[in-house]
């Protein structure tokens, strides 16, 4: 099976959906795992032996590290639950990777808003200066 085949894409989506359900339902009893954890993407290898799971955690850096450690320690349990719910020839070994793209996007939006806000203030100052010059 090729990496970008339709079958592989469907398996990626199904594994992502099941992992999201497992984490959000609270079936994993590890207190280190933040309840605001979301599965952003899953890449299952074509041979179905390995899967990279990209996760995003809403919280501070300490919470992210604790969640990642909790998920890594719970990986065998999660893999077993995945094997029960998804009928695949091989259940992939899970590797959890922290995804910073959502946080990066939020930071970029804040920066853009700041620039726009400063630009509006500068434009108002220029308009006021022009009005004062015109009144003279």
Protein backbone atom coordinates (compact mmCIF):
# COMPACT_ATOMS: atom_id res chain seq x y z
CA UNK A 1 0.00 0.00 0.00
CA UNK A 2 1.34 3.42 -0.96
CA UNK A 3 1.62 6.23 1.56
CA UNK A 4 -0.97 8.53 -0.03
CA UNK A 5 -3.39 5.87 -1.23
CA UNK A 6 -7.12 6.16 -0.58
CA UNK A 7 -7.01 3.17 1.74
CA UNK A 8 -4.18 4.65 3.81
CA UNK A 9 -6.02 7.98 4.03
CA UNK A 10 -9.15 6.21 5.29
CA UNK A 11 -7.14 4.26 7.87
CA UNK A 12 -5.49 7.50 9.05
CA UNK A 13 -8.89 9.10 9.53
CA UNK A 14 -10.35 6.10 11.33
CA UNK A 15 -7.39 5.78 13.71
CA UNK A 16 -7.54 9.54 14.41
CA UNK A 17 -11.27 9.35 15.17
CA UNK A 18 -10.89 6.37 17.51
CA UNK A 19 -7.92 7.90 19.35
CA UNK A 20 -9.85 11.14 19.81
CA UNK A 21 -12.76 9.20 21.26
CA UNK A 22 -10.49 7.23 23.61
CA UNK A 23 -8.84 10.37 24.96
CA UNK A 24 -11.97 12.51 25.19
CA UNK A 25 -14.14 9.86 26.88
CA UNK A 26 -11.61 9.60 29.67
CA UNK A 27 -11.00 5.86 29.29
CA UNK A 28 -7.35 6.52 30.06
CA UNK A 29 -7.16 6.95 33.82
CA UNK A 30 -3.77 8.70 33.88
CA UNK A 31 -4.14 12.03 35.77
CA UNK A 32 -1.25 13.54 33.79
CA UNK A 33 -3.32 13.60 30.61
CA UNK A 34 -4.96 17.00 30.16
CA UNK A 35 -8.69 16.79 29.33
CA UNK A 36 -8.15 19.48 26.68
CA UNK A 37 -6.04 17.17 24.51
CA UNK A 38 -6.94 16.78 20.85
CA UNK A 39 -5.60 14.52 18.14
CA UNK A 40 -4.62 16.79 15.25
CA UNK A 41 -3.44 14.20 12.74
CA UNK A 42 -2.40 10.57 12.41
CA UNK A 43 0.05 9.11 9.89
CA UNK A 44 -0.11 5.33 9.70
CA UNK A 45 2.78 3.69 7.86
CA UNK A 46 1.81 1.76 4.72
CA UNK A 47 2.73 -1.56 6.40
CA UNK A 48 0.44 -0.72 9.37
CA UNK A 49 3.25 -1.34 11.87
CA UNK A 50 3.79 2.23 13.10
CA UNK A 51 1.69 5.36 13.48
CA UNK A 52 2.68 8.93 14.30
CA UNK A 53 0.00 10.63 16.36
CA UNK A 54 0.15 14.43 16.41
CA UNK A 55 -1.53 15.87 19.50
CA UNK A 56 -2.30 19.38 20.69
CA UNK A 57 -2.80 20.31 24.33
CA UNK A 58 -4.46 23.48 25.55
CA UNK A 59 -2.43 24.63 28.53
CA UNK A 60 1.02 25.60 29.69
CA UNK A 61 4.32 23.90 28.81
CA UNK A 62 4.30 21.78 31.98
CA UNK A 63 0.84 20.45 31.14
CA UNK A 64 1.98 19.59 27.60
CA UNK A 65 4.99 17.65 28.85
CA UNK A 66 2.92 15.79 31.45
CA UNK A 67 0.28 14.89 28.87
CA UNK A 68 2.89 13.64 26.43
CA UNK A 69 4.51 11.51 29.16
CA UNK A 70 1.09 10.16 30.20
CA UNK A 71 0.18 9.22 26.64
CA UNK A 72 3.54 7.55 26.06
CA UNK A 73 3.12 5.45 29.20
CA UNK A 74 -0.45 4.57 28.23
CA UNK A 75 0.47 3.70 24.61
CA UNK A 76 0.21 -0.11 25.08
CA UNK A 77 -3.26 0.24 26.64
CA UNK A 78 -4.36 2.64 23.88
CA UNK A 79 -3.02 0.24 21.24
CA UNK A 80 -5.04 -2.61 22.79
CA UNK A 81 -8.21 -0.52 22.80
CA UNK A 82 -7.53 0.46 19.20
CA UNK A 83 -7.13 -3.22 18.25
CA UNK A 84 -10.56 -3.96 19.76
CA UNK A 85 -12.34 -1.18 17.88
CA UNK A 86 -10.58 -1.18 14.49
CA UNK A 87 -10.30 -4.38 12.51
CA UNK A 88 -6.84 -4.18 10.94
CA UNK A 89 -4.37 -6.90 10.10
CA UNK A 90 -1.76 -5.20 12.29
CA UNK A 91 -2.47 -2.66 15.00
CA UNK A 92 0.13 0.09 14.66
CA UNK A 93 2.61 0.96 17.38
CA UNK A 94 1.81 4.52 18.45
CA UNK A 95 4.34 7.34 18.63
CA UNK A 96 2.97 10.56 20.13
CA UNK A 97 4.32 13.88 18.83
CA UNK A 98 3.40 17.32 20.17
CA UNK A 99 1.93 19.51 17.43
CA UNK A 100 2.53 23.23 17.89
CA UNK A 101 0.68 24.41 14.78
CA UNK A 102 -2.51 25.51 16.58
CA UNK A 103 -0.55 27.51 19.14
CA UNK A 104 1.57 28.98 16.35
CA UNK A 105 -1.58 30.02 14.48
CA UNK A 106 -3.04 31.69 17.57
CA UNK A 107 0.20 33.61 18.15
CA UNK A 108 0.30 34.72 14.51
CA UNK A 109 -3.32 35.92 14.75
CA UNK A 110 -2.45 37.95 17.86
CA UNK A 111 0.52 39.53 16.07
CA UNK A 112 -1.61 40.40 13.04
CA UNK A 113 -4.28 41.93 15.29
CA UNK A 114 -1.62 44.00 17.08
CA UNK A 115 -0.23 45.27 13.78
CA UNK A 116 -3.72 46.12 12.51
CA UNK A 117 -4.56 47.90 15.76
CA UNK A 118 -1.34 49.94 15.62
CA UNK A 119 -1.95 50.72 11.93
CA UNK A 120 -5.45 52.03 12.69
CA UNK A 121 -4.11 54.24 15.50
CA UNK A 122 -1.34 55.59 13.26
CA UNK A 123 -3.84 56.26 10.47
CA UNK A 124 -6.07 58.19 12.89
CA UNK A 125 -3.09 60.26 14.06
CA UNK A 126 -2.14 61.06 10.47
CA UNK A 127 -5.75 62.04 9.70
CA UNK A 128 -5.86 64.29 12.77
CA UNK A 129 -2.56 65.92 11.76
CA UNK A 130 -3.84 66.49 8.21
CA UNK A 131 -7.11 67.95 9.55
CA UNK A 132 -5.15 70.33 11.82
CA UNK A 133 -2.93 71.38 8.94
CA UNK A 134 -5.96 71.94 6.73
CA UNK A 135 -7.66 74.03 9.42
CA UNK A 136 -4.65 76.38 9.61
